[in-house]
Amino acid sequence: MMITTKVSNLKMVSLFAGIGGFELAFQKVGAKTSLMCEIDPIAKYVLSNQLHGIDIIDDVRDIERVPRGTDILCAGFPCQDLSSVGAKAGLKGDRSSLVREVFRILEEKRTEWVIFENVSFMLRLNAGETIRIIVTELERLGYRWAYRMIDSMAFVPQHRCRVFVVASLHHDPRNVLLSGESNCQYGNVDFDRQSMPLGFYWTEGKFALGLQGNAVPTLKAGSTIGIPSPPAILFPSGEVSVPDIRDAERLQGFPANWTRPAEDVARASIRWRLVGNAVTVNVVSWIAKKIVNPVPYDYSKDKRLTGVKVWPKAAWGIDGKRSSSSVSVFPASFRRSDLGTFLKYPRNLLSVKATRGFLSRLQAGGLRCPGYFEDEIRNHIQAMEARNG
């Protein structure tokens, strides 16, 4: 028998809240946030301006237990030590190790639901140390769990793979996270057709390109001092430009100008970091709706997960048994907007200097790209030079 969740008076606590992606998503199913935790003062300023009347605590280590009546605990814990770039310290790193504070809080007071979110590289880093520790701790605390890598591209024209872990004390998390499969494989596009926008990283090119058909690559946080790193887009018309920050917010599922309050206390460019660090609201909204209205998951063909050396893209653990799942990273079965029609705000043409730098790196790296791509980049340089006189 499937247990459903009552929407009325559903309460959640959000740790590592960022700019409020979990909160905004759960609002759509009637849940109320009673407490948020965020240490970044600029992100905290955005939260206080956009989500009124909710207590905010700076440091997760200052939280002893969740408020009475909390049903859901969300934790998009810091990813800096788990990313595919950087020191790759894993859970030994100062920032990502804060996930252990979640289990300390759950020791004091268990909530019915727990949701984690982080970068997909954590499934491979140190032989999947992070996911192993998370599911082992959840089992120790009496939780059933499921995790799934989800690509935001199923919902918005942005390629962004993140791992979501959903755990419950009394419900079946498989019916939330693993049921649902899209017939559209959004990542399979014909790059040889010059009829769709191509998103790419103009700040890279030598070792990585991030080329995406009809979508932008993963929005990045940029530098720690607020230097933005927006993607570029080559349009069928030959235009090469970068999206407006308001469209970047929308590509993460936030309303346009959600991070506008940040400009009261910091440089406008800091908004790219806030957006790049955020969770995609559309993905969490899908999870929230499934918590309220679960859909049965057929696990009859799933295989037992033992002696794991490489963690799969999706798996679950129920009553001491662990199994892998073959579900894809695209859980939604609706048609999302094409990138060209999605963007609403004026774009900034990529400068001659920036384009020349990208082209130089692209030629040096020799990365595979469509035959017309490099020619169009050169054409853009010529058009910009003519435009500038």
Protein backbone atom coordinates (compact mmCIF):
# COMPACT_ATOMS: atom_id res chain seq x y z
CA MET A 1 0.00 0.00 0.00
CA MET A 2 1.35 3.42 -0.95
CA ILE A 3 1.48 6.07 1.78
CA THR A 4 0.66 9.60 0.66
CA THR A 5 1.90 12.78 2.28
CA LYS A 6 -0.55 15.34 3.63
CA VAL A 7 0.11 18.78 2.17
CA SER A 8 -1.54 20.75 4.95
CA ASN A 9 0.93 22.20 7.44
CA LEU A 10 3.91 20.57 5.72
CA LYS A 11 6.99 22.22 7.23
CA MET A 12 10.58 22.22 6.06
CA VAL A 13 14.01 23.38 7.17
CA SER A 14 16.65 24.31 4.62
CA LEU A 15 20.36 24.02 5.38
CA PHE A 16 22.92 25.66 3.06
CA ALA A 17 19.96 27.55 1.61
CA GLY A 18 21.84 29.61 -0.98
CA ILE A 19 19.30 31.90 -2.65
CA GLY A 20 16.25 29.82 -1.76
CA GLY A 21 15.80 27.22 -4.50
CA PHE A 22 14.43 24.52 -2.21
CA GLU A 23 12.18 27.00 -0.45
CA LEU A 24 10.72 28.37 -3.68
CA ALA A 25 10.09 24.87 -5.01
CA PHE A 26 8.33 23.57 -1.90
CA GLN A 27 6.17 26.68 -1.70
CA LYS A 28 4.51 25.44 -4.88
CA VAL A 29 3.10 22.42 -3.04
CA GLY A 30 2.01 24.45 -0.03
CA ALA A 31 4.94 23.66 2.25
CA LYS A 32 6.14 26.33 4.67
CA THR A 33 9.79 26.94 5.54
CA SER A 34 10.30 27.52 9.26
CA LEU A 35 14.10 27.92 9.28
CA MET A 36 16.92 28.56 6.82
CA CYS A 37 20.67 28.38 7.29
CA GLU A 38 23.09 30.28 5.07
CA ILE A 39 26.54 31.64 5.91
CA ASP A 40 27.18 33.71 2.76
CA PRO A 41 26.15 37.27 3.70
CA ILE A 42 25.16 38.23 0.14
CA ALA A 43 23.05 35.12 -0.38
CA LYS A 44 21.55 35.71 3.05
CA TYR A 45 20.65 39.27 2.02
CA VAL A 46 18.81 37.91 -1.03
CA LEU A 47 16.95 35.41 1.17
CA SER A 48 15.85 38.07 3.64
CA ASN A 49 14.55 40.25 0.80
CA GLN A 50 12.79 37.54 -1.20
CA LEU A 51 11.53 35.18 1.52
CA HIS A 52 10.10 37.34 4.26
CA GLY A 53 9.46 36.32 7.83
CA ILE A 54 11.67 33.21 7.92
CA ASP A 55 14.40 32.89 10.53
CA ILE A 56 17.92 32.61 9.10
CA ILE A 57 20.86 31.15 11.02
CA ASP A 58 24.39 31.82 9.76
CA ASP A 59 26.24 28.64 10.68
CA VAL A 60 24.88 25.09 10.48
CA ARG A 61 27.06 24.21 13.48
CA ASP A 62 24.91 26.51 15.61
CA ILE A 63 21.75 24.47 14.99
CA GLU A 64 21.09 21.98 17.79
CA ARG A 65 17.87 20.52 16.43
CA VAL A 66 15.13 21.34 13.94
CA PRO A 67 11.98 23.14 15.11
CA ARG A 68 9.10 21.05 16.40
CA GLY A 69 6.86 19.72 13.63
CA THR A 70 9.48 19.77 10.86
CA ASP A 71 8.62 17.26 8.12
CA ILE A 72 11.40 17.87 5.59
CA LEU A 73 15.10 18.66 5.97
CA CYS A 74 16.84 19.88 2.79
CA ALA A 75 20.60 20.16 2.43
CA GLY A 76 22.31 21.28 -0.77
CA PHE A 77 25.63 21.11 1.05
CA PRO A 78 28.79 22.87 -0.26
CA CYS A 79 30.24 21.25 -3.37
CA GLN A 80 33.66 22.94 -3.59
CA ASP A 81 35.55 19.91 -2.25
CA LEU A 82 33.54 17.49 -4.43
CA SER A 83 33.83 19.24 -7.78
CA SER A 84 35.75 17.80 -10.74
CA VAL A 85 37.95 20.91 -10.59
CA GLY A 86 40.04 22.08 -7.66
CA ALA A 87 41.69 20.12 -4.86
CA LYS A 88 39.06 17.32 -4.81
CA ALA A 89 39.40 16.94 -1.04
CA GLY A 90 36.07 15.13 -0.77
CA LEU A 91 34.44 14.95 2.64
CA LYS A 92 37.80 15.67 4.23
CA GLY A 93 37.54 19.22 2.91
CA ASP A 94 36.50 21.99 5.28
CA ARG A 95 33.38 22.93 3.32
CA SER A 96 31.91 19.68 2.03
CA SER A 97 32.55 17.97 5.38
CA LEU A 98 29.73 20.13 6.74
CA VAL A 99 27.33 17.48 5.45
CA ARG A 100 28.17 15.59 8.66
CA GLU A 101 26.35 18.35 10.55
CA VAL A 102 23.15 17.18 8.87
CA PHE A 103 23.48 13.78 10.50
CA ARG A 104 24.29 15.37 13.85
CA ILE A 105 21.05 17.36 13.62
CA LEU A 106 19.09 14.25 12.61
CA GLU A 107 20.51 12.41 15.62
CA GLU A 108 18.75 14.96 17.83
CA LYS A 109 15.48 14.97 15.91
CA ARG A 110 14.67 12.86 12.87
CA THR A 111 12.46 14.36 10.18
CA GLU A 112 10.20 12.25 7.97
CA TRP A 113 11.96 13.37 4.79
CA VAL A 114 15.59 14.26 4.07
CA ILE A 115 16.82 15.62 0.73
CA PHE A 116 20.44 16.11 -0.33
CA GLU A 117 21.75 17.70 -3.53
CA ASN A 118 25.27 17.94 -4.90
CA VAL A 119 27.47 17.63 -7.97
CA SER A 120 27.50 14.40 -9.95
CA PHE A 121 31.28 14.02 -9.55
CA MET A 122 30.71 12.89 -5.98
CA LEU A 123 29.68 9.48 -7.35
CA ARG A 124 33.23 8.99 -8.65
CA LEU A 125 35.48 11.01 -6.36
CA ASN A 126 37.45 8.76 -4.02
CA ALA A 127 35.50 5.72 -5.28
CA GLY A 128 32.19 7.36 -4.36
CA GLU A 129 33.19 8.06 -0.77
CA THR A 130 30.61 10.83 -0.34
CA ILE A 131 27.55 8.91 -1.52
CA ARG A 132 28.69 5.84 0.43
CA ILE A 133 28.92 7.83 3.67
CA ILE A 134 25.59 9.55 3.06
CA VAL A 135 23.58 6.37 2.44
CA THR A 136 25.35 4.47 5.22
CA GLU A 137 24.52 7.21 7.72
CA LEU A 138 20.94 7.33 6.51
CA GLU A 139 20.60 3.59 7.02
CA ARG A 140 22.09 3.86 10.49
CA LEU A 141 19.44 6.45 11.35
CA GLY A 142 16.64 4.19 10.11
CA TYR A 143 15.97 5.78 6.73
CA ARG A 144 15.03 4.27 3.40
CA TRP A 145 16.80 6.08 0.59
CA ALA A 146 17.03 6.55 -3.16
CA TYR A 147 19.32 8.72 -5.23
CA ARG A 148 19.28 9.76 -8.86
CA MET A 149 21.40 11.89 -11.13
CA ILE A 150 19.05 14.39 -12.79
CA ASP A 151 19.83 16.68 -15.71
CA SER A 152 18.10 20.06 -15.51
CA MET A 153 17.87 19.90 -19.30
CA ALA A 154 14.69 17.86 -18.88
CA PHE A 155 13.05 20.99 -17.49
CA VAL A 156 14.96 24.02 -18.83
CA PRO A 157 17.48 24.52 -21.67
CA GLN A 158 20.49 24.12 -19.38
CA HIS A 159 22.66 20.98 -19.18
CA ARG A 160 23.21 20.57 -15.44
CA CYS A 161 23.63 17.13 -13.88
CA ARG A 162 23.21 16.93 -10.12
CA VAL A 163 22.70 14.03 -7.72
CA PHE A 164 19.58 14.17 -5.55
CA VAL A 165 19.16 11.89 -2.54
CA VAL A 166 15.69 11.47 -1.07
CA ALA A 167 15.24 9.55 2.19
CA SER A 168 12.21 8.78 4.33
CA LEU A 169 11.48 7.04 7.61
CA HIS A 170 8.09 5.59 6.64
CA HIS A 171 7.55 6.27 2.92
CA ASP A 172 9.13 4.65 -0.14
CA PRO A 173 11.53 7.19 -1.68
CA ARG A 174 11.70 5.17 -4.90
CA ASN A 175 8.13 6.27 -5.67
CA VAL A 176 9.34 9.87 -5.44
CA LEU A 177 12.70 9.90 -7.15
CA LEU A 178 12.91 6.87 -9.43
CA SER A 179 9.45 6.71 -11.00
CA GLY A 180 9.18 8.91 -14.06
CA GLU A 181 11.06 8.60 -17.34
CA SER A 182 11.15 10.93 -20.31
CA ASN A 183 10.81 9.69 -23.86
CA CYS A 184 12.96 12.62 -25.01
CA GLN A 185 16.73 12.27 -24.81
CA TYR A 186 17.47 15.96 -24.69
CA GLY A 187 21.23 15.56 -24.94
CA ASN A 188 21.12 13.71 -28.26
CA VAL A 189 21.33 16.44 -30.89
CA ASP A 190 22.80 16.62 -34.36
CA PHE A 191 25.62 19.11 -34.02
CA ASP A 192 26.13 19.10 -37.77
CA ARG A 193 22.83 20.89 -38.31
CA GLN A 194 23.30 24.65 -38.21
CA SER A 195 19.67 25.20 -37.28
CA MET A 196 19.78 25.46 -33.50
CA PRO A 197 21.62 27.60 -30.94
CA LEU A 198 24.81 26.09 -29.56
CA GLY A 199 25.84 26.92 -25.99
CA PHE A 200 29.52 26.77 -25.04
CA TYR A 201 32.10 28.03 -22.53
CA TRP A 202 33.83 31.01 -24.14
CA THR A 203 36.16 31.28 -21.11
CA GLU A 204 37.54 27.82 -21.91
CA GLY A 205 38.19 26.10 -25.23
CA LYS A 206 41.58 24.43 -24.84
CA PHE A 207 40.66 21.56 -22.52
CA ALA A 208 36.88 21.84 -22.34
CA LEU A 209 34.15 23.33 -24.50
CA GLY A 210 30.87 22.41 -22.85
CA LEU A 211 29.15 22.40 -26.24
CA GLN A 212 25.39 21.92 -25.95
CA GLY A 213 22.82 21.89 -28.70
CA ASN A 214 19.71 23.96 -27.99
CA ALA A 215 20.90 24.56 -24.43
CA VAL A 216 23.61 26.25 -22.42
CA PRO A 217 26.22 24.27 -20.50
CA THR A 218 26.10 24.25 -16.70
CA LEU A 219 25.90 27.77 -15.31
CA LYS A 220 29.02 28.35 -13.23
CA ALA A 221 29.61 30.27 -10.03
CA GLY A 222 32.61 32.10 -11.51
CA SER A 223 35.43 33.29 -9.28
CA THR A 224 35.24 33.78 -5.53
CA ILE A 225 35.77 37.54 -5.98
CA GLY A 226 32.74 37.91 -8.21
CA ILE A 227 34.23 37.67 -11.71
CA PRO A 228 31.37 36.10 -13.70
CA SER A 229 31.77 33.19 -16.11
CA PRO A 230 28.59 33.16 -18.20
CA PRO A 231 28.31 30.79 -21.16
CA ALA A 232 28.17 32.00 -24.74
CA ILE A 233 25.66 31.03 -27.42
CA LEU A 234 26.18 30.72 -31.18
CA PHE A 235 22.84 31.35 -32.87
CA PRO A 236 21.90 30.14 -36.37
CA SER A 237 22.05 33.77 -37.50
CA GLY A 238 25.77 33.84 -36.69
CA GLU A 239 25.37 35.96 -33.58
CA VAL A 240 27.64 35.03 -30.67
CA SER A 241 26.46 36.48 -27.40
CA VAL A 242 26.09 35.82 -23.68
CA PRO A 243 22.72 35.68 -21.92
CA ASP A 244 21.48 38.35 -19.54
CA ILE A 245 21.67 37.57 -15.82
CA ARG A 246 17.86 37.65 -15.70
CA ASP A 247 17.69 34.81 -18.20
CA ALA A 248 20.36 32.98 -16.20
CA GLU A 249 18.06 33.21 -13.18
CA ARG A 250 15.22 31.82 -15.28
CA LEU A 251 17.47 29.00 -16.52
CA GLN A 252 17.74 28.01 -12.85
CA GLY A 253 13.97 28.24 -12.37
CA PHE A 254 13.96 31.53 -10.45
CA PRO A 255 11.89 34.57 -11.41
CA ALA A 256 13.84 37.21 -13.31
CA ASN A 257 15.62 39.63 -10.95
CA TRP A 258 15.45 37.23 -8.00
CA THR A 259 19.05 38.12 -7.11
CA ARG A 260 18.63 41.84 -7.80
CA PRO A 261 18.81 42.70 -4.05
CA ALA A 262 22.45 41.55 -4.07
CA GLU A 263 23.35 44.73 -5.94
CA ASP A 264 22.48 46.71 -2.80
CA VAL A 265 25.46 45.21 -0.98
CA ALA A 266 27.87 43.98 -3.68
CA ARG A 267 28.91 44.38 -7.29
CA ALA A 268 26.26 43.40 -9.83
CA SER A 269 28.52 40.65 -11.19
CA ILE A 270 28.19 38.73 -7.92
CA ARG A 271 24.75 37.65 -9.10
CA TRP A 272 26.36 35.13 -11.48
CA ARG A 273 28.02 33.40 -8.53
CA LEU A 274 24.74 33.23 -6.62
CA VAL A 275 22.90 31.80 -9.60
CA GLY A 276 25.69 29.35 -10.47
CA ASN A 277 25.71 27.97 -6.92
CA ALA A 278 21.93 27.54 -6.79
CA VAL A 279 19.83 24.44 -7.22
CA THR A 280 17.52 24.31 -10.26
CA VAL A 281 14.09 25.10 -8.83
CA ASN A 282 12.26 23.11 -11.51
CA VAL A 283 13.97 19.86 -10.49
CA VAL A 284 13.16 20.33 -6.81
CA SER A 285 9.57 21.26 -7.72
CA TRP A 286 9.26 17.92 -9.51
CA ILE A 287 10.53 16.14 -6.38
CA ALA A 288 8.21 18.13 -4.10
CA LYS A 289 5.18 17.24 -6.21
CA LYS A 290 6.18 13.58 -6.14
CA ILE A 291 6.47 13.65 -2.35
CA VAL A 292 2.88 14.87 -2.21
CA ASN A 293 1.69 12.57 -5.02
CA PRO A 294 4.05 9.56 -5.32
CA VAL A 295 3.99 7.30 -8.36
CA PRO A 296 4.71 3.55 -8.00
CA TYR A 297 8.19 2.51 -9.13
CA ASP A 298 8.79 -0.89 -10.73
CA TYR A 299 11.97 -2.27 -9.19
CA SER A 300 11.55 -5.85 -10.41
CA LYS A 301 14.49 -5.61 -12.85
CA ASP A 302 16.87 -3.74 -10.57
CA LYS A 303 20.10 -5.48 -9.63
CA ARG A 304 21.56 -5.91 -6.18
CA LEU A 305 24.32 -3.44 -5.32
CA THR A 306 27.19 -5.20 -3.57
CA GLY A 307 30.90 -4.53 -3.35
CA VAL A 308 30.47 -1.18 -5.06
CA LYS A 309 33.57 0.28 -6.70
CA VAL A 310 31.75 2.51 -9.19
CA TRP A 311 28.44 3.92 -8.01
CA PRO A 312 25.67 3.97 -10.65
CA LYS A 313 23.70 7.04 -11.70
CA ALA A 314 20.74 5.86 -9.64
CA ALA A 315 20.27 3.44 -6.74
CA TRP A 316 18.17 2.74 -3.67
CA GLY A 317 18.32 1.14 -0.26
CA ILE A 318 15.29 -0.39 1.48
CA ASP A 319 15.36 -2.54 4.63
CA GLY A 320 19.08 -3.19 4.41
CA LYS A 321 19.04 -4.14 0.72
CA ARG A 322 20.78 -1.95 -1.85
CA SER A 323 20.08 -2.07 -5.59
CA SER A 324 21.04 -0.09 -8.66
CA SER A 325 18.48 1.43 -11.00
CA SER A 326 18.69 1.94 -14.76
CA VAL A 327 16.50 5.08 -14.87
CA SER A 328 17.86 7.90 -17.00
CA VAL A 329 18.83 11.43 -15.99
CA PHE A 330 15.67 12.77 -17.67
CA PRO A 331 12.68 12.11 -15.41
CA ALA A 332 10.08 14.48 -16.84
CA SER A 333 7.86 13.73 -19.82
CA PHE A 334 6.89 17.18 -21.00
CA ARG A 335 8.26 19.39 -23.76
CA ARG A 336 10.46 22.18 -22.50
CA SER A 337 11.15 25.43 -24.36
CA ASP A 338 13.83 25.66 -27.01
CA LEU A 339 16.73 27.88 -25.99
CA GLY A 340 16.05 30.49 -28.67
CA THR A 341 12.45 31.01 -27.58
CA PHE A 342 13.24 30.68 -23.87
CA LEU A 343 15.55 33.71 -23.70
CA LYS A 344 13.63 36.95 -23.13
CA TYR A 345 16.18 39.64 -22.31
CA PRO A 346 18.69 41.55 -24.46
CA ARG A 347 21.92 39.63 -24.96
CA ASN A 348 25.46 41.02 -24.93
CA LEU A 349 27.52 40.36 -28.04
CA LEU A 350 30.80 38.64 -27.25
CA SER A 351 33.60 41.16 -27.71
CA VAL A 352 36.36 40.85 -30.30
CA LYS A 353 38.96 40.38 -27.56
CA ALA A 354 36.96 37.66 -25.81
CA THR A 355 36.17 35.87 -29.06
CA ARG A 356 39.77 35.98 -30.27
CA GLY A 357 40.96 34.54 -26.97
CA PHE A 358 38.43 31.70 -27.21
CA LEU A 359 39.34 30.95 -30.83
CA SER A 360 43.04 30.82 -29.96
CA ARG A 361 42.39 28.32 -27.15
CA LEU A 362 40.08 26.28 -29.36
CA GLN A 363 42.74 25.96 -32.05
CA ALA A 364 45.42 25.07 -29.50
CA GLY A 365 43.32 22.41 -27.82
CA GLY A 366 41.98 20.74 -30.93
CA LEU A 367 38.67 19.79 -29.29
CA ARG A 368 36.04 18.13 -31.45
CA CYS A 369 33.29 20.48 -32.59
CA PRO A 370 30.98 20.87 -35.63
CA GLY A 371 32.75 21.72 -38.87
CA TYR A 372 31.00 25.06 -39.19
CA PHE A 373 31.58 26.12 -35.59
CA GLU A 374 35.10 27.53 -35.94
CA ASP A 375 34.14 29.33 -39.17
CA GLU A 376 31.20 30.99 -37.45
CA ILE A 377 33.43 32.13 -34.60
CA ARG A 378 35.76 33.77 -37.16
CA ASN A 379 32.79 35.35 -38.92
CA HIS A 380 31.66 36.83 -35.62
CA ILE A 381 35.06 38.43 -35.10
CA GLN A 382 34.92 39.97 -38.57
CA ALA A 383 31.36 41.22 -38.02
CA MET A 384 32.29 42.78 -34.69
CA GLU A 385 35.37 44.46 -36.17
CA ALA A 386 33.24 45.92 -38.96
CA ARG A 387 30.65 47.00 -36.40
CA ASN A 388 33.29 48.78 -34.34
CA GLY A 389 34.69 50.54 -37.38
